[in-house]
Amino acid sequence: KTEQDATFMRMKEDAMRNGQLKPAYNIQYGIDAEYVVWVTEGPQPTDTTTLIPFLQEFERYFHTSYANVIADAGYESEENYLYLEREGINSYIKPQSYEIWKKKSFKDDISRHENMTYIEEADAYVCVNNRILWPTGTRHKKSASGYRTKLTVYECEDCSGCPHKAKCTKAQGNRQMKLSKIFIEKRKKSYNNITTDKGIHLRINRSIQVEGAFGVLKTD
């Protein structure tokens, strides 16, 4: 019995290549200049929901916070972006789709909103067949932490007879998309941050220092 019960998590494959569900804790390291400055453990199976409590615990203990937070793609979420912004912390989080964006298969995927033309004044998207996806309403999605995301629903004016429909949607009717405008905006801001000279420098240091420290933990 511990303060927090372990959670069954799918562990990475070991030498025998037999990845299994095992009771485990999610250990988080905060590294500054190669020093481990804060550590937390918890039952969360993914990293997304660990960032905010990690930073809050650090601040309660040290009565200070960092100006910049550099994290890998596993920490990207709308809730995390907004928290960092409210706290006046610069976000250097790699978007989860960062590597996918570079691939030709992504650039050729006509179903992605990133590959459509966005008309800002009309808040609408234009597809590859020059048909417009208009906003038709909103939906809400609740995360594991209880955070509610507002999604705008876009629907194509008419998909009938479109020669590209099979590559765009599997729906019988018109194509629909559900997008969070806030998430798109904050992801773009973080992407711009990590692609600056400063952002590249910080990300390189994160890779070396954080992965190095965590490698020692796993070895031991």
N, C-alpha and C. Protein backbone atom coordinates (compact mmCIF):
# COMPACT_ATOMS: atom_id res chain seq x y z
N LYS A 1 0.84 -1.19 0.00
CA LYS A 1 0.00 0.00 0.00
C LYS A 1 0.88 1.25 0.00
N THR A 2 0.58 2.15 -0.90
CA THR A 2 1.32 3.41 -0.98
C THR A 2 0.34 4.56 -0.98
N GLU A 3 0.88 5.77 -1.02
CA GLU A 3 0.02 6.95 -1.04
C GLU A 3 -0.88 6.93 -2.28
N GLN A 4 -0.32 6.49 -3.39
CA GLN A 4 -1.10 6.35 -4.61
C GLN A 4 -0.94 4.94 -5.15
N ASP A 5 -2.05 4.31 -5.50
CA ASP A 5 -1.97 2.98 -6.07
C ASP A 5 -1.33 3.04 -7.46
N ALA A 6 -0.62 2.00 -7.79
CA ALA A 6 -0.02 1.90 -9.12
C ALA A 6 -1.12 1.67 -10.15
N THR A 7 -0.80 1.93 -11.40
CA THR A 7 -1.73 1.72 -12.50
C THR A 7 -1.12 0.72 -13.47
N PHE A 8 -1.95 -0.17 -14.01
CA PHE A 8 -1.43 -1.08 -15.02
C PHE A 8 -1.15 -0.30 -16.30
N MET A 9 0.10 -0.35 -16.75
CA MET A 9 0.52 0.37 -17.94
C MET A 9 1.21 -0.60 -18.91
N ARG A 10 1.05 -0.30 -20.19
CA ARG A 10 1.75 -1.12 -21.17
C ARG A 10 3.19 -0.65 -21.24
N MET A 11 4.09 -1.49 -20.77
CA MET A 11 5.50 -1.14 -20.72
C MET A 11 6.13 -1.31 -22.10
N LYS A 12 7.24 -0.61 -22.31
CA LYS A 12 7.97 -0.78 -23.57
C LYS A 12 8.54 -2.20 -23.63
N GLU A 13 8.67 -2.69 -24.83
CA GLU A 13 9.15 -4.07 -25.00
C GLU A 13 10.53 -4.24 -24.38
N ASP A 14 10.73 -5.36 -23.71
CA ASP A 14 12.05 -5.64 -23.15
C ASP A 14 12.86 -6.44 -24.16
N ALA A 15 13.97 -7.00 -23.72
CA ALA A 15 14.86 -7.72 -24.63
C ALA A 15 14.17 -8.91 -25.29
N MET A 16 13.14 -9.47 -24.61
CA MET A 16 12.44 -10.63 -25.17
C MET A 16 11.30 -10.22 -26.11
N ARG A 17 11.14 -8.89 -26.28
CA ARG A 17 10.10 -8.35 -27.17
C ARG A 17 8.70 -8.82 -26.78
N ASN A 18 8.43 -8.81 -25.49
CA ASN A 18 7.08 -9.21 -25.05
C ASN A 18 6.49 -8.13 -24.13
N GLY A 19 6.21 -6.97 -24.73
CA GLY A 19 5.62 -5.88 -23.97
C GLY A 19 4.36 -6.35 -23.25
N GLN A 20 4.26 -6.02 -21.96
CA GLN A 20 3.14 -6.49 -21.16
C GLN A 20 2.54 -5.36 -20.33
N LEU A 21 1.32 -5.60 -19.88
CA LEU A 21 0.70 -4.69 -18.92
C LEU A 21 1.24 -5.04 -17.54
N LYS A 22 1.83 -4.04 -16.87
CA LYS A 22 2.39 -4.27 -15.54
C LYS A 22 2.04 -3.09 -14.64
N PRO A 23 1.88 -3.35 -13.33
CA PRO A 23 1.61 -2.23 -12.41
C PRO A 23 2.85 -1.33 -12.36
N ALA A 24 2.63 -0.03 -12.51
CA ALA A 24 3.77 0.89 -12.59
C ALA A 24 3.38 2.29 -12.14
N TYR A 25 4.41 3.11 -11.97
CA TYR A 25 4.23 4.53 -11.69
C TYR A 25 4.87 5.34 -12.81
N ASN A 26 4.32 6.50 -13.06
CA ASN A 26 4.86 7.40 -14.07
C ASN A 26 5.78 8.39 -13.36
N ILE A 27 7.08 8.26 -13.60
CA ILE A 27 8.06 9.12 -12.94
C ILE A 27 8.40 10.30 -13.85
N GLN A 28 8.34 11.50 -13.28
CA GLN A 28 8.63 12.72 -14.02
C GLN A 28 9.88 13.39 -13.45
N TYR A 29 10.79 13.76 -14.34
CA TYR A 29 12.02 14.46 -13.96
C TYR A 29 11.98 15.90 -14.46
N GLY A 30 12.41 16.83 -13.62
CA GLY A 30 12.64 18.20 -14.05
C GLY A 30 14.13 18.46 -14.00
N ILE A 31 14.71 18.84 -15.13
CA ILE A 31 16.17 19.00 -15.22
C ILE A 31 16.52 20.45 -15.50
N ASP A 32 17.53 20.95 -14.80
CA ASP A 32 18.06 22.30 -15.04
C ASP A 32 19.58 22.21 -15.00
N ALA A 33 20.23 22.53 -16.13
CA ALA A 33 21.70 22.49 -16.20
C ALA A 33 22.25 21.14 -15.74
N GLU A 34 21.60 20.07 -16.18
CA GLU A 34 21.97 18.69 -15.91
C GLU A 34 21.68 18.24 -14.46
N TYR A 35 21.11 19.10 -13.66
CA TYR A 35 20.73 18.73 -12.30
C TYR A 35 19.25 18.36 -12.25
N VAL A 36 18.93 17.32 -11.51
CA VAL A 36 17.54 16.97 -11.26
C VAL A 36 17.03 17.91 -10.16
N VAL A 37 16.10 18.79 -10.51
CA VAL A 37 15.62 19.77 -9.53
C VAL A 37 14.28 19.38 -8.90
N TRP A 38 13.56 18.46 -9.54
CA TRP A 38 12.27 18.05 -8.98
C TRP A 38 11.86 16.71 -9.59
N VAL A 39 11.24 15.88 -8.78
CA VAL A 39 10.78 14.57 -9.23
C VAL A 39 9.38 14.32 -8.69
N THR A 40 8.51 13.80 -9.52
CA THR A 40 7.19 13.35 -9.04
C THR A 40 6.93 11.95 -9.56
N GLU A 41 6.04 11.25 -8.87
CA GLU A 41 5.58 9.95 -9.35
C GLU A 41 4.07 9.91 -9.20
N GLY A 42 3.43 9.23 -10.14
CA GLY A 42 1.97 9.18 -10.09
C GLY A 42 1.43 8.03 -10.90
N PRO A 43 0.12 7.83 -10.84
CA PRO A 43 -0.49 6.69 -11.52
C PRO A 43 -0.93 6.98 -12.95
N GLN A 44 -0.63 8.19 -13.46
CA GLN A 44 -1.10 8.55 -14.80
C GLN A 44 -0.37 7.72 -15.86
N PRO A 45 -1.10 7.04 -16.73
CA PRO A 45 -0.45 6.21 -17.77
C PRO A 45 0.15 7.03 -18.91
N THR A 46 -0.24 8.30 -19.04
CA THR A 46 0.32 9.16 -20.09
C THR A 46 0.91 10.41 -19.46
N ASP A 47 1.78 11.09 -20.20
CA ASP A 47 2.47 12.26 -19.67
C ASP A 47 1.63 13.53 -19.72
N THR A 48 0.61 13.56 -20.56
CA THR A 48 -0.15 14.79 -20.78
C THR A 48 -0.67 15.42 -19.50
N THR A 49 -1.20 14.58 -18.59
CA THR A 49 -1.81 15.11 -17.37
C THR A 49 -0.83 15.28 -16.22
N THR A 50 0.46 15.08 -16.47
CA THR A 50 1.43 15.20 -15.39
C THR A 50 2.09 16.58 -15.32
N LEU A 51 2.05 17.35 -16.39
CA LEU A 51 2.81 18.59 -16.45
C LEU A 51 2.34 19.62 -15.44
N ILE A 52 1.04 19.88 -15.38
CA ILE A 52 0.52 20.92 -14.49
C ILE A 52 0.77 20.57 -13.02
N PRO A 53 0.39 19.37 -12.53
CA PRO A 53 0.69 19.06 -11.13
C PRO A 53 2.18 19.07 -10.82
N PHE A 54 3.01 18.68 -11.78
CA PHE A 54 4.46 18.71 -11.59
C PHE A 54 4.94 20.13 -11.32
N LEU A 55 4.51 21.07 -12.16
CA LEU A 55 4.94 22.46 -12.01
C LEU A 55 4.35 23.09 -10.75
N GLN A 56 3.11 22.73 -10.42
CA GLN A 56 2.47 23.28 -9.22
C GLN A 56 3.17 22.82 -7.95
N GLU A 57 3.55 21.54 -7.90
CA GLU A 57 4.27 21.02 -6.74
C GLU A 57 5.64 21.68 -6.60
N PHE A 58 6.32 21.85 -7.72
CA PHE A 58 7.63 22.50 -7.71
C PHE A 58 7.51 23.92 -7.15
N GLU A 59 6.50 24.65 -7.63
CA GLU A 59 6.33 26.04 -7.21
C GLU A 59 5.95 26.14 -5.72
N ARG A 60 5.12 25.21 -5.24
CA ARG A 60 4.75 25.23 -3.82
C ARG A 60 5.97 24.99 -2.93
N TYR A 61 6.89 24.17 -3.39
CA TYR A 61 8.05 23.81 -2.58
C TYR A 61 9.13 24.89 -2.64
N PHE A 62 9.39 25.41 -3.83
CA PHE A 62 10.48 26.36 -4.01
C PHE A 62 10.04 27.83 -4.04
N HIS A 63 8.72 28.07 -4.13
CA HIS A 63 8.18 29.44 -4.18
C HIS A 63 8.74 30.23 -5.37
N THR A 64 8.95 29.55 -6.45
CA THR A 64 9.41 30.19 -7.68
C THR A 64 8.97 29.35 -8.87
N SER A 65 9.17 29.88 -10.05
CA SER A 65 8.84 29.12 -11.25
C SER A 65 9.84 29.48 -12.35
N TYR A 66 9.84 28.70 -13.41
CA TYR A 66 10.76 28.93 -14.52
C TYR A 66 10.11 29.80 -15.59
N ALA A 67 10.96 30.55 -16.32
CA ALA A 67 10.45 31.40 -17.40
C ALA A 67 10.14 30.57 -18.64
N ASN A 68 10.88 29.46 -18.82
CA ASN A 68 10.71 28.61 -20.00
C ASN A 68 10.52 27.16 -19.58
N VAL A 69 9.58 26.49 -20.23
CA VAL A 69 9.39 25.06 -20.03
C VAL A 69 9.56 24.37 -21.38
N ILE A 70 10.52 23.44 -21.44
CA ILE A 70 10.80 22.71 -22.67
C ILE A 70 10.38 21.26 -22.45
N ALA A 71 9.50 20.77 -23.27
CA ALA A 71 8.99 19.41 -23.08
C ALA A 71 8.77 18.73 -24.42
N ASP A 72 8.75 17.41 -24.39
CA ASP A 72 8.56 16.62 -25.60
C ASP A 72 7.08 16.60 -25.98
N ALA A 73 6.79 15.97 -27.12
CA ALA A 73 5.44 15.98 -27.69
C ALA A 73 4.41 15.32 -26.78
N GLY A 74 4.85 14.43 -25.89
CA GLY A 74 3.91 13.74 -25.02
C GLY A 74 3.20 14.65 -24.03
N TYR A 75 3.67 15.88 -23.90
CA TYR A 75 3.09 16.82 -22.94
C TYR A 75 2.17 17.84 -23.62
N GLU A 76 1.96 17.69 -24.92
CA GLU A 76 1.15 18.68 -25.63
C GLU A 76 -0.33 18.48 -25.37
N SER A 77 -0.99 19.54 -24.92
CA SER A 77 -2.45 19.56 -24.80
C SER A 77 -2.89 21.01 -24.71
N GLU A 78 -4.13 21.25 -25.04
CA GLU A 78 -4.68 22.61 -24.94
C GLU A 78 -4.63 23.10 -23.50
N GLU A 79 -4.97 22.22 -22.57
CA GLU A 79 -4.98 22.58 -21.16
C GLU A 79 -3.58 23.00 -20.70
N ASN A 80 -2.55 22.26 -21.12
CA ASN A 80 -1.17 22.60 -20.74
C ASN A 80 -0.73 23.92 -21.35
N TYR A 81 -1.07 24.13 -22.61
CA TYR A 81 -0.72 25.39 -23.27
C TYR A 81 -1.33 26.58 -22.51
N LEU A 82 -2.60 26.48 -22.17
CA LEU A 82 -3.29 27.59 -21.51
C LEU A 82 -2.75 27.82 -20.09
N TYR A 83 -2.42 26.74 -19.40
CA TYR A 83 -1.85 26.89 -18.05
C TYR A 83 -0.52 27.65 -18.10
N LEU A 84 0.36 27.25 -19.01
CA LEU A 84 1.66 27.92 -19.13
C LEU A 84 1.48 29.39 -19.49
N GLU A 85 0.54 29.66 -20.37
CA GLU A 85 0.27 31.05 -20.77
C GLU A 85 -0.23 31.87 -19.59
N ARG A 86 -1.15 31.32 -18.80
CA ARG A 86 -1.68 32.04 -17.62
C ARG A 86 -0.59 32.33 -16.60
N GLU A 87 0.35 31.40 -16.47
CA GLU A 87 1.43 31.55 -15.49
C GLU A 87 2.59 32.39 -16.02
N GLY A 88 2.49 32.87 -17.25
CA GLY A 88 3.55 33.68 -17.82
C GLY A 88 4.79 32.90 -18.18
N ILE A 89 4.62 31.60 -18.48
CA ILE A 89 5.74 30.71 -18.81
C ILE A 89 5.77 30.50 -20.32
N ASN A 90 6.94 30.66 -20.91
CA ASN A 90 7.09 30.43 -22.35
C ASN A 90 7.05 28.93 -22.64
N SER A 91 6.23 28.56 -23.61
CA SER A 91 6.04 27.15 -23.94
C SER A 91 6.93 26.74 -25.10
N TYR A 92 7.75 25.72 -24.86
CA TYR A 92 8.57 25.12 -25.91
C TYR A 92 8.23 23.63 -25.96
N ILE A 93 6.99 23.33 -26.33
CA ILE A 93 6.52 21.95 -26.41
C ILE A 93 6.43 21.55 -27.88
N LYS A 94 7.05 20.43 -28.22
CA LYS A 94 7.01 19.96 -29.61
C LYS A 94 5.63 19.41 -29.93
N PRO A 95 4.96 19.91 -30.97
CA PRO A 95 3.65 19.36 -31.35
C PRO A 95 3.74 17.87 -31.64
N GLN A 96 2.67 17.14 -31.29
CA GLN A 96 2.66 15.70 -31.51
C GLN A 96 2.76 15.35 -32.99
N SER A 97 2.32 16.26 -33.84
CA SER A 97 2.35 15.99 -35.29
C SER A 97 3.59 16.60 -35.96
N TYR A 98 4.55 17.04 -35.16
CA TYR A 98 5.74 17.73 -35.70
C TYR A 98 6.48 16.89 -36.74
N GLU A 99 6.74 15.62 -36.42
CA GLU A 99 7.47 14.76 -37.34
C GLU A 99 6.60 14.37 -38.54
N ILE A 100 5.30 14.22 -38.30
CA ILE A 100 4.38 13.83 -39.38
C ILE A 100 4.29 14.95 -40.42
N TRP A 101 4.33 16.21 -39.95
CA TRP A 101 4.22 17.35 -40.86
C TRP A 101 5.28 17.31 -41.96
N LYS A 102 6.42 16.72 -41.67
CA LYS A 102 7.54 16.71 -42.62
C LYS A 102 7.35 15.68 -43.74
N LYS A 103 6.45 14.71 -43.51
CA LYS A 103 6.32 13.61 -44.46
C LYS A 103 5.46 13.99 -45.67
N LYS A 104 5.82 13.42 -46.81
CA LYS A 104 5.07 13.68 -48.03
C LYS A 104 3.64 13.14 -47.91
N SER A 105 3.47 12.03 -47.21
CA SER A 105 2.14 11.44 -47.05
C SER A 105 1.19 12.40 -46.33
N PHE A 106 1.74 13.19 -45.40
CA PHE A 106 0.91 14.19 -44.70
C PHE A 106 0.55 15.34 -45.64
N LYS A 107 1.56 15.81 -46.37
CA LYS A 107 1.32 16.94 -47.27
C LYS A 107 0.35 16.59 -48.39
N ASP A 108 0.28 15.30 -48.73
CA ASP A 108 -0.63 14.86 -49.79
C ASP A 108 -2.01 14.46 -49.26
N ASP A 109 -2.18 14.51 -47.94
CA ASP A 109 -3.45 14.08 -47.33
C ASP A 109 -4.46 15.23 -47.41
N ILE A 110 -5.38 15.15 -48.34
CA ILE A 110 -6.34 16.24 -48.57
C ILE A 110 -7.39 16.32 -47.47
N SER A 111 -7.46 15.31 -46.60
CA SER A 111 -8.47 15.32 -45.54
C SER A 111 -8.04 16.17 -44.34
N ARG A 112 -6.75 16.53 -44.25
CA ARG A 112 -6.25 17.30 -43.13
C ARG A 112 -6.60 18.77 -43.28
N HIS A 113 -7.05 19.38 -42.19
CA HIS A 113 -7.41 20.80 -42.27
C HIS A 113 -6.18 21.67 -42.54
N GLU A 114 -4.99 21.18 -42.15
CA GLU A 114 -3.76 21.93 -42.40
C GLU A 114 -3.49 22.09 -43.90
N ASN A 115 -4.04 21.17 -44.70
CA ASN A 115 -3.83 21.21 -46.15
C ASN A 115 -4.98 21.87 -46.89
N MET A 116 -5.92 22.44 -46.14
CA MET A 116 -7.01 23.20 -46.74
C MET A 116 -6.73 24.70 -46.59
N THR A 117 -7.40 25.50 -47.39
CA THR A 117 -7.27 26.96 -47.29
C THR A 117 -8.26 27.47 -46.26
N TYR A 118 -7.75 28.23 -45.29
CA TYR A 118 -8.63 28.77 -44.24
C TYR A 118 -8.99 30.22 -44.58
N ILE A 119 -10.29 30.51 -44.58
CA ILE A 119 -10.78 31.87 -44.82
C ILE A 119 -11.11 32.47 -43.45
N GLU A 120 -10.21 33.31 -42.95
CA GLU A 120 -10.34 33.81 -41.58
C GLU A 120 -11.61 34.62 -41.37
N GLU A 121 -11.92 35.54 -42.29
CA GLU A 121 -13.09 36.42 -42.11
C GLU A 121 -14.41 35.65 -42.11
N ALA A 122 -14.43 34.49 -42.76
CA ALA A 122 -15.65 33.68 -42.81
C ALA A 122 -15.59 32.51 -41.85
N ASP A 123 -14.42 32.30 -41.22
CA ASP A 123 -14.18 31.13 -40.37
C ASP A 123 -14.61 29.86 -41.10
N ALA A 124 -14.05 29.66 -42.27
CA ALA A 124 -14.42 28.50 -43.10
C ALA A 124 -13.17 27.95 -43.79
N TYR A 125 -13.27 26.69 -44.21
CA TYR A 125 -12.17 26.02 -44.91
C TYR A 125 -12.60 25.70 -46.34
N VAL A 126 -11.63 25.76 -47.26
CA VAL A 126 -11.89 25.40 -48.66
C VAL A 126 -11.12 24.13 -48.97
N CYS A 127 -11.81 23.11 -49.43
CA CYS A 127 -11.18 21.81 -49.69
C CYS A 127 -10.50 21.80 -51.05
N VAL A 128 -9.91 20.67 -51.38
CA VAL A 128 -9.16 20.54 -52.63
C VAL A 128 -10.06 20.70 -53.85
N ASN A 129 -11.36 20.47 -53.68
CA ASN A 129 -12.32 20.59 -54.79
C ASN A 129 -13.01 21.94 -54.79
N ASN A 130 -12.43 22.90 -54.04
CA ASN A 130 -12.94 24.28 -53.97
C ASN A 130 -14.37 24.37 -53.42
N ARG A 131 -14.71 23.42 -52.55
CA ARG A 131 -15.99 23.50 -51.86
C ARG A 131 -15.74 23.93 -50.42
N ILE A 132 -16.67 24.65 -49.85
CA ILE A 132 -16.45 25.30 -48.55
C ILE A 132 -17.02 24.47 -47.41
N LEU A 133 -16.22 24.36 -46.35
CA LEU A 133 -16.68 23.73 -45.11
C LEU A 133 -17.03 24.85 -44.14
N TRP A 134 -18.33 25.02 -43.89
CA TRP A 134 -18.81 26.11 -43.05
C TRP A 134 -18.95 25.65 -41.60
N PRO A 135 -18.79 26.57 -40.64
CA PRO A 135 -19.05 26.21 -39.24
C PRO A 135 -20.55 26.00 -39.02
N THR A 136 -20.90 24.88 -38.41
CA THR A 136 -22.33 24.56 -38.23
C THR A 136 -22.74 24.46 -36.76
N GLY A 137 -21.81 24.53 -35.85
CA GLY A 137 -22.14 24.42 -34.43
C GLY A 137 -20.90 24.12 -33.60
N THR A 138 -21.10 23.85 -32.34
CA THR A 138 -19.99 23.55 -31.44
C THR A 138 -20.29 22.29 -30.62
N ARG A 139 -19.24 21.64 -30.19
CA ARG A 139 -19.31 20.49 -29.30
C ARG A 139 -18.28 20.69 -28.18
N HIS A 140 -18.42 19.92 -27.12
CA HIS A 140 -17.46 19.99 -26.03
C HIS A 140 -16.92 18.59 -25.75
N LYS A 141 -15.63 18.53 -25.47
CA LYS A 141 -14.98 17.26 -25.15
C LYS A 141 -14.26 17.40 -23.82
N LYS A 142 -14.46 16.41 -22.94
CA LYS A 142 -13.88 16.46 -21.61
C LYS A 142 -12.66 15.54 -21.53
N SER A 143 -11.54 16.08 -21.02
CA SER A 143 -10.32 15.29 -20.91
C SER A 143 -10.31 14.48 -19.63
N ALA A 144 -9.28 13.66 -19.44
CA ALA A 144 -9.16 12.83 -18.23
C ALA A 144 -9.03 13.68 -16.98
N SER A 145 -8.51 14.89 -17.14
CA SER A 145 -8.34 15.78 -15.98
C SER A 145 -9.59 16.60 -15.68
N GLY A 146 -10.60 16.50 -16.56
CA GLY A 146 -11.82 17.26 -16.37
C GLY A 146 -11.87 18.53 -17.20
N TYR A 147 -10.81 18.83 -17.95
CA TYR A 147 -10.78 20.03 -18.78
C TYR A 147 -11.73 19.87 -19.96
N ARG A 148 -12.50 20.93 -20.25
CA ARG A 148 -13.47 20.89 -21.35
C ARG A 148 -12.95 21.69 -22.54
N THR A 149 -12.84 21.02 -23.67
CA THR A 149 -12.39 21.65 -24.91
C THR A 149 -13.60 22.00 -25.76
N LYS A 150 -13.62 23.20 -26.28
CA LYS A 150 -14.68 23.62 -27.19
C LYS A 150 -14.27 23.34 -28.62
N LEU A 151 -15.05 22.53 -29.31
CA LEU A 151 -14.77 22.15 -30.69
C LEU A 151 -15.77 22.81 -31.63
N THR A 152 -15.27 23.39 -32.69
CA THR A 152 -16.14 23.95 -33.73
C THR A 152 -16.35 22.88 -34.81
N VAL A 153 -17.62 22.67 -35.16
CA VAL A 153 -17.95 21.66 -36.17
C VAL A 153 -18.05 22.35 -37.53
N TYR A 154 -17.28 21.85 -38.48
CA TYR A 154 -17.33 22.36 -39.85
C TYR A 154 -17.90 21.27 -40.76
N GLU A 155 -18.78 21.67 -41.68
CA GLU A 155 -19.37 20.70 -42.61
C GLU A 155 -19.30 21.24 -44.03
N CYS A 156 -18.93 20.36 -44.94
CA CYS A 156 -18.84 20.75 -46.35
C CYS A 156 -20.23 21.08 -46.89
N GLU A 157 -20.29 22.10 -47.73
CA GLU A 157 -21.59 22.53 -48.28
C GLU A 157 -22.22 21.44 -49.14
N ASP A 158 -21.39 20.66 -49.85
CA ASP A 158 -21.95 19.59 -50.69
C ASP A 158 -20.81 18.70 -51.19
N CYS A 159 -20.82 17.45 -50.77
CA CYS A 159 -19.79 16.50 -51.20
C CYS A 159 -20.25 15.62 -52.36
N SER A 160 -21.50 15.79 -52.76
CA SER A 160 -22.03 14.92 -53.80
C SER A 160 -21.27 15.13 -55.12
N GLY A 161 -20.93 14.01 -55.76
CA GLY A 161 -20.25 14.07 -57.04
C GLY A 161 -18.79 14.45 -56.97
N CYS A 162 -18.24 14.59 -55.78
CA CYS A 162 -16.83 14.98 -55.65
C CYS A 162 -15.92 13.81 -55.98
N PRO A 163 -15.00 13.98 -56.91
CA PRO A 163 -14.10 12.87 -57.30
C PRO A 163 -13.05 12.55 -56.23
N HIS A 164 -12.92 13.43 -55.23
CA HIS A 164 -11.90 13.24 -54.19
C HIS A 164 -12.49 12.72 -52.87
N LYS A 165 -13.78 12.46 -52.85
CA LYS A 165 -14.44 12.14 -51.59
C LYS A 165 -13.84 10.92 -50.89
N ALA A 166 -13.51 9.89 -51.65
CA ALA A 166 -12.97 8.66 -51.05
C ALA A 166 -11.67 8.91 -50.30
N LYS A 167 -10.90 9.91 -50.74
CA LYS A 167 -9.63 10.24 -50.08
C LYS A 167 -9.83 11.22 -48.93
N CYS A 168 -11.02 11.80 -48.87
CA CYS A 168 -11.27 12.86 -47.89
C CYS A 168 -12.08 12.39 -46.68
N THR A 169 -13.07 11.51 -46.91
CA THR A 169 -13.92 11.06 -45.81
C THR A 169 -14.55 9.71 -46.12
N LYS A 170 -14.88 8.98 -45.06
CA LYS A 170 -15.59 7.71 -45.21
C LYS A 170 -17.08 7.88 -44.93
N ALA A 171 -17.47 9.11 -44.56
CA ALA A 171 -18.87 9.39 -44.25
C ALA A 171 -19.75 9.26 -45.49
N GLN A 172 -20.99 8.82 -45.28
CA GLN A 172 -21.93 8.70 -46.39
C GLN A 172 -22.36 10.07 -46.90
N GLY A 173 -22.53 11.01 -45.95
CA GLY A 173 -22.97 12.35 -46.33
C GLY A 173 -21.80 13.29 -46.54
N ASN A 174 -21.98 14.54 -46.14
CA ASN A 174 -20.95 15.55 -46.32
C ASN A 174 -19.83 15.40 -45.29
N ARG A 175 -18.64 15.84 -45.67
CA ARG A 175 -17.48 15.79 -44.79
C ARG A 175 -17.65 16.73 -43.60
N GLN A 176 -17.31 16.25 -42.41
CA GLN A 176 -17.33 17.07 -41.20
C GLN A 176 -15.96 17.06 -40.53
N MET A 177 -15.63 18.18 -39.88
CA MET A 177 -14.42 18.27 -39.07
C MET A 177 -14.78 18.90 -37.73
N LYS A 178 -14.14 18.44 -36.66
CA LYS A 178 -14.32 19.04 -35.34
C LYS A 178 -12.96 19.53 -34.87
N LEU A 179 -12.82 20.85 -34.77
CA LEU A 179 -11.52 21.46 -34.47
C LEU A 179 -11.62 22.43 -33.30
N SER A 180 -10.57 22.46 -32.49
CA SER A 180 -10.47 23.45 -31.41
C SER A 180 -9.64 24.63 -31.92
N LYS A 181 -10.25 25.78 -32.01
CA LYS A 181 -9.54 26.97 -32.49
C LYS A 181 -8.43 27.37 -31.52
N ILE A 182 -8.71 27.20 -30.22
CA ILE A 182 -7.72 27.57 -29.21
C ILE A 182 -6.49 26.68 -29.34
N PHE A 183 -6.72 25.37 -29.50
CA PHE A 183 -5.60 24.44 -29.61
C PHE A 183 -4.76 24.72 -30.85
N ILE A 184 -5.41 24.99 -31.97
CA ILE A 184 -4.70 25.31 -33.21
C ILE A 184 -3.82 26.54 -33.02
N GLU A 185 -4.38 27.56 -32.36
CA GLU A 185 -3.64 28.81 -32.12
C GLU A 185 -2.42 28.58 -31.21
N LYS A 186 -2.64 27.86 -30.10
CA LYS A 186 -1.55 27.65 -29.13
C LYS A 186 -0.49 26.70 -29.69
N ARG A 187 -0.91 25.71 -30.46
CA ARG A 187 0.06 24.79 -31.09
C ARG A 187 0.94 25.56 -32.06
N LYS A 188 0.35 26.46 -32.83
CA LYS A 188 1.12 27.26 -33.78
C LYS A 188 2.14 28.13 -33.06
N LYS A 189 1.72 28.71 -31.94
CA LYS A 189 2.63 29.56 -31.15
C LYS A 189 3.80 28.75 -30.62
N SER A 190 3.52 27.56 -30.09
CA SER A 190 4.59 26.72 -29.55
C SER A 190 5.51 26.24 -30.67
N TYR A 191 4.95 25.93 -31.83
CA TYR A 191 5.76 25.52 -32.98
C TYR A 191 6.71 26.66 -33.39
N ASN A 192 6.18 27.88 -33.42
CA ASN A 192 7.03 29.03 -33.76
C ASN A 192 8.15 29.20 -32.73
N ASN A 193 7.84 28.93 -31.45
CA ASN A 193 8.85 29.06 -30.40
C ASN A 193 9.98 28.05 -30.60
N ILE A 194 9.63 26.81 -30.88
CA ILE A 194 10.68 25.77 -30.95
C ILE A 194 11.51 25.84 -32.22
N THR A 195 11.04 26.59 -33.21
CA THR A 195 11.79 26.69 -34.46
C THR A 195 12.66 27.96 -34.52
N THR A 196 12.64 28.77 -33.46
CA THR A 196 13.57 29.91 -33.39
C THR A 196 14.95 29.38 -33.02
N ASP A 197 15.98 30.21 -33.16
CA ASP A 197 17.33 29.81 -32.77
C ASP A 197 17.38 29.43 -31.29
N LYS A 198 16.71 30.22 -30.46
CA LYS A 198 16.66 29.93 -29.03
C LYS A 198 15.94 28.62 -28.77
N GLY A 199 14.81 28.42 -29.46
CA GLY A 199 14.03 27.20 -29.28
C GLY A 199 14.81 25.96 -29.68
N ILE A 200 15.53 26.03 -30.79
CA ILE A 200 16.35 24.90 -31.23
C ILE A 200 17.42 24.59 -30.20
N HIS A 201 18.06 25.63 -29.67
CA HIS A 201 19.10 25.46 -28.65
C HIS A 201 18.53 24.80 -27.40
N LEU A 202 17.36 25.25 -26.95
CA LEU A 202 16.74 24.69 -25.75
C LEU A 202 16.33 23.24 -25.97
N ARG A 203 15.81 22.91 -27.13
CA ARG A 203 15.37 21.54 -27.42
C ARG A 203 16.54 20.58 -27.49
N ILE A 204 17.66 21.04 -28.06
CA ILE A 204 18.86 20.20 -28.11
C ILE A 204 19.33 19.89 -26.69
N ASN A 205 19.33 20.93 -25.84
CA ASN A 205 19.75 20.72 -24.45
C ASN A 205 18.79 19.80 -23.70
N ARG A 206 17.49 19.93 -23.99
CA ARG A 206 16.52 19.02 -23.35
C ARG A 206 16.81 17.58 -23.72
N SER A 207 17.06 17.35 -24.99
CA SER A 207 17.33 15.98 -25.45
C SER A 207 18.54 15.39 -24.74
N ILE A 208 19.60 16.17 -24.64
CA ILE A 208 20.83 15.68 -24.03
C ILE A 208 20.67 15.49 -22.53
N GLN A 209 20.16 16.52 -21.84
CA GLN A 209 20.15 16.53 -20.38
C GLN A 209 19.04 15.66 -19.78
N VAL A 210 17.84 15.82 -20.29
CA VAL A 210 16.72 15.07 -19.72
C VAL A 210 16.84 13.58 -20.03
N GLU A 211 17.09 13.26 -21.31
CA GLU A 211 17.19 11.84 -21.68
C GLU A 211 18.39 11.18 -21.01
N GLY A 212 19.47 11.96 -20.85
CA GLY A 212 20.64 11.43 -20.19
C GLY A 212 20.37 11.08 -18.73
N ALA A 213 19.71 12.00 -18.03
CA ALA A 213 19.38 11.77 -16.62
C ALA A 213 18.40 10.61 -16.47
N PHE A 214 17.42 10.54 -17.38
CA PHE A 214 16.43 9.47 -17.29
C PHE A 214 17.05 8.12 -17.64
N GLY A 215 18.05 8.16 -18.54
CA GLY A 215 18.76 6.93 -18.88
C GLY A 215 19.48 6.34 -17.69
N VAL A 216 20.04 7.20 -16.87
CA VAL A 216 20.71 6.75 -15.64
C VAL A 216 19.70 6.08 -14.71
N LEU A 217 18.52 6.68 -14.57
CA LEU A 217 17.46 6.12 -13.72
C LEU A 217 17.09 4.71 -14.19
N LYS A 218 16.87 4.56 -15.50
CA LYS A 218 16.45 3.27 -16.04
C LYS A 218 17.55 2.22 -15.89
N THR A 219 18.80 2.66 -16.07
CA THR A 219 19.93 1.73 -15.92
C THR A 219 20.02 1.22 -14.48
N ASP A 220 19.80 2.13 -13.53
CA ASP A 220 19.92 1.76 -12.12
C ASP A 220 18.71 0.98 -11.62
